[in-house]
Amino acid sequence: DDELSWKPHIESLNCKLKSACGRIYRIKNCLPTELYKQIYHTLFESHLTFAISVWGGVSHRTIEQLFVTQKKCIRMLFGDTAAYQNKLKTCARTRPITCVISQCK
């Protein structure tokens, strides 16, 4: 179908990811830092990677919003607090990360 688009799915997924990021932000100060990686994989990345083999072939431009949301969540959880708060730096400039875009290639 020429009219088939993943845009509604990507927008819905981004909404779920932002919600997960907010939940992680609210509980992160109550948890030891050793659990941050598990929390990220459980509450955030599980949504991101679900059925990625089906929709992951879309253009980088289409999934850019997911990449931005992922960077915010990683910055918030794993450090670079100043950059997260003032939004002047990005996680990609401060530390290498494995992101959703690299999984889609």
C-alpha atoms as a PDB file:
ATOM      1  CA  ASP A   1       0.000   0.000   0.000  1.00  0.00           C
ATOM      2  CA  ASP A   2       1.386   3.393  -1.017  1.00  0.00           C
ATOM      3  CA  GLU A   3      -0.343   5.096   1.897  1.00  0.00           C
ATOM      4  CA  LEU A   4       1.164   2.844   4.586  1.00  0.00           C
ATOM      5  CA  SER A   5       3.109   4.891   7.105  1.00  0.00           C
ATOM      6  CA  TRP A   6       4.870   4.113  10.369  1.00  0.00           C
ATOM      7  CA  LYS A   7       4.482   7.700  11.535  1.00  0.00           C
ATOM      8  CA  PRO A   8       1.434   7.054  13.808  1.00  0.00           C
ATOM      9  CA  HIS A   9       3.223   4.095  15.388  1.00  0.00           C
ATOM     10  CA  ILE A  10       6.418   6.120  15.903  1.00  0.00           C
ATOM     11  CA  GLU A  11       4.446   8.988  17.476  1.00  0.00           C
ATOM     12  CA  SER A  12       2.599   6.591  19.803  1.00  0.00           C
ATOM     13  CA  LEU A  13       5.857   4.873  20.735  1.00  0.00           C
ATOM     14  CA  ASN A  14       7.514   8.214  21.437  1.00  0.00           C
ATOM     15  CA  CYS A  15       4.628   9.098  23.754  1.00  0.00           C
ATOM     16  CA  LYS A  16       5.131   5.805  25.636  1.00  0.00           C
ATOM     17  CA  LEU A  17       8.874   6.447  25.865  1.00  0.00           C
ATOM     18  CA  LYS A  18       8.366   9.949  27.246  1.00  0.00           C
ATOM     19  CA  SER A  19       5.980   8.526  29.832  1.00  0.00           C
ATOM     20  CA  ALA A  20       8.531   5.861  30.780  1.00  0.00           C
ATOM     21  CA  CYS A  21      11.215   8.532  31.027  1.00  0.00           C
ATOM     22  CA  GLY A  22       9.009  10.513  33.410  1.00  0.00           C
ATOM     23  CA  ARG A  23       8.395   7.450  35.564  1.00  0.00           C
ATOM     24  CA  ILE A  24      12.102   6.722  35.681  1.00  0.00           C
ATOM     25  CA  TYR A  25      12.830  10.329  36.652  1.00  0.00           C
ATOM     26  CA  ARG A  26      10.363  10.137  39.549  1.00  0.00           C
ATOM     27  CA  ILE A  27      11.770   6.904  40.998  1.00  0.00           C
ATOM     28  CA  LYS A  28      15.479   7.215  40.235  1.00  0.00           C
ATOM     29  CA  ASN A  29      16.368   9.004  43.479  1.00  0.00           C
ATOM     30  CA  CYS A  30      14.777   6.187  45.498  1.00  0.00           C
ATOM     31  CA  LEU A  31      16.940   3.490  43.894  1.00  0.00           C
ATOM     32  CA  PRO A  32      20.620   2.627  44.154  1.00  0.00           C
ATOM     33  CA  THR A  33      22.635   3.572  41.071  1.00  0.00           C
ATOM     34  CA  GLU A  34      23.458  -0.094  40.491  1.00  0.00           C
ATOM     35  CA  LEU A  35      19.835  -0.632  39.418  1.00  0.00           C
ATOM     36  CA  TYR A  36      19.699   2.216  36.891  1.00  0.00           C
ATOM     37  CA  LYS A  37      20.699   0.014  33.964  1.00  0.00           C
ATOM     38  CA  GLN A  38      18.049  -2.586  34.817  1.00  0.00           C
ATOM     39  CA  ILE A  39      15.410   0.117  35.216  1.00  0.00           C
ATOM     40  CA  TYR A  40      16.366   1.590  31.835  1.00  0.00           C
ATOM     41  CA  HIS A  41      16.132  -1.806  30.121  1.00  0.00           C
ATOM     42  CA  THR A  42      12.877  -2.703  31.854  1.00  0.00           C
ATOM     43  CA  LEU A  43      10.884   0.523  31.638  1.00  0.00           C
ATOM     44  CA  PHE A  44      12.338   2.230  28.574  1.00  0.00           C
ATOM     45  CA  GLU A  45      14.262   0.012  26.183  1.00  0.00           C
ATOM     46  CA  SER A  46      11.674  -2.778  26.254  1.00  0.00           C
ATOM     47  CA  HIS A  47       9.190  -0.446  24.501  1.00  0.00           C
ATOM     48  CA  LEU A  48      11.844   0.784  22.098  1.00  0.00           C
ATOM     49  CA  THR A  49      12.985  -2.621  20.879  1.00  0.00           C
ATOM     50  CA  PHE A  50       9.583  -4.326  20.699  1.00  0.00           C
ATOM     51  CA  ALA A  51       8.971  -5.345  17.050  1.00  0.00           C
ATOM     52  CA  ILE A  52      11.874  -3.202  15.861  1.00  0.00           C
ATOM     53  CA  SER A  53      12.547  -5.754  13.130  1.00  0.00           C
ATOM     54  CA  VAL A  54       9.202  -4.781  11.595  1.00  0.00           C
ATOM     55  CA  TRP A  55       9.284  -0.983  11.825  1.00  0.00           C
ATOM     56  CA  GLY A  56      13.036  -0.432  12.265  1.00  0.00           C
ATOM     57  CA  GLY A  57      13.696  -0.049   8.564  1.00  0.00           C
ATOM     58  CA  VAL A  58      12.124   3.400   8.377  1.00  0.00           C
ATOM     59  CA  SER A  59      14.265   6.417   7.548  1.00  0.00           C
ATOM     60  CA  HIS A  60      16.516   8.017  10.143  1.00  0.00           C
ATOM     61  CA  ARG A  61      14.509  11.214   9.885  1.00  0.00           C
ATOM     62  CA  THR A  62      11.323   9.370  10.873  1.00  0.00           C
ATOM     63  CA  ILE A  63      12.853   7.888  14.025  1.00  0.00           C
ATOM     64  CA  GLU A  64      14.850  10.975  15.002  1.00  0.00           C
ATOM     65  CA  GLN A  65      12.281  11.850  17.687  1.00  0.00           C
ATOM     66  CA  LEU A  66      12.831   8.425  19.286  1.00  0.00           C
ATOM     67  CA  PHE A  67      16.573   9.007  19.307  1.00  0.00           C
ATOM     68  CA  VAL A  68      16.122  12.392  21.022  1.00  0.00           C
ATOM     69  CA  THR A  69      13.847  10.876  23.681  1.00  0.00           C
ATOM     70  CA  GLN A  70      16.325   8.052  24.240  1.00  0.00           C
ATOM     71  CA  LYS A  71      19.195  10.531  24.673  1.00  0.00           C
ATOM     72  CA  LYS A  72      17.190  12.484  27.255  1.00  0.00           C
ATOM     73  CA  CYS A  73      16.451   9.349  29.244  1.00  0.00           C
ATOM     74  CA  ILE A  74      20.057   8.165  29.169  1.00  0.00           C
ATOM     75  CA  ARG A  75      21.369  11.612  30.148  1.00  0.00           C
ATOM     76  CA  MET A  76      18.901  11.815  33.001  1.00  0.00           C
ATOM     77  CA  LEU A  77      19.761   8.370  34.354  1.00  0.00           C
ATOM     78  CA  PHE A  78      23.445   7.885  33.723  1.00  0.00           C
ATOM     79  CA  GLY A  79      24.913  11.279  34.251  1.00  0.00           C
ATOM     80  CA  ASP A  80      25.710  14.561  32.657  1.00  0.00           C
ATOM     81  CA  THR A  81      23.060  16.158  34.863  1.00  0.00           C
ATOM     82  CA  ALA A  82      24.143  19.685  34.006  1.00  0.00           C
ATOM     83  CA  ALA A  83      23.714  18.971  30.299  1.00  0.00           C
ATOM     84  CA  TYR A  84      20.333  17.404  30.933  1.00  0.00           C
ATOM     85  CA  GLN A  85      19.122  20.373  32.934  1.00  0.00           C
ATOM     86  CA  ASN A  86      20.324  23.138  30.635  1.00  0.00           C
ATOM     87  CA  LYS A  87      19.890  21.093  27.422  1.00  0.00           C
ATOM     88  CA  LEU A  88      22.984  22.606  25.829  1.00  0.00           C
ATOM     89  CA  LYS A  89      25.008  19.412  25.469  1.00  0.00           C
ATOM     90  CA  THR A  90      23.979  16.066  24.082  1.00  0.00           C
ATOM     91  CA  CYS A  91      24.781  12.620  25.335  1.00  0.00           C
ATOM     92  CA  ALA A  92      26.401  11.707  22.040  1.00  0.00           C
ATOM     93  CA  ARG A  93      29.025  14.422  22.523  1.00  0.00           C
ATOM     94  CA  THR A  94      29.865  13.419  26.077  1.00  0.00           C
ATOM     95  CA  ARG A  95      29.885   9.611  25.908  1.00  0.00           C
ATOM     96  CA  PRO A  96      29.293   7.004  23.228  1.00  0.00           C
ATOM     97  CA  ILE A  97      25.956   5.192  23.454  1.00  0.00           C
ATOM     98  CA  THR A  98      24.265   2.388  21.611  1.00  0.00           C
ATOM     99  CA  CYS A  99      21.088   3.847  20.258  1.00  0.00           C
ATOM    100  CA  VAL A 100      18.043   2.786  18.348  1.00  0.00           C
ATOM    101  CA  ILE A 101      19.481   4.121  15.069  1.00  0.00           C
ATOM    102  CA  SER A 102      22.428   1.731  15.244  1.00  0.00           C
ATOM    103  CA  GLN A 103      20.007  -1.174  15.750  1.00  0.00           C
ATOM    104  CA  CYS A 104      18.126  -0.298  12.561  1.00  0.00           C
ATOM    105  CA  LYS A 105      21.035  -0.487  10.130  1.00  0.00           C
END
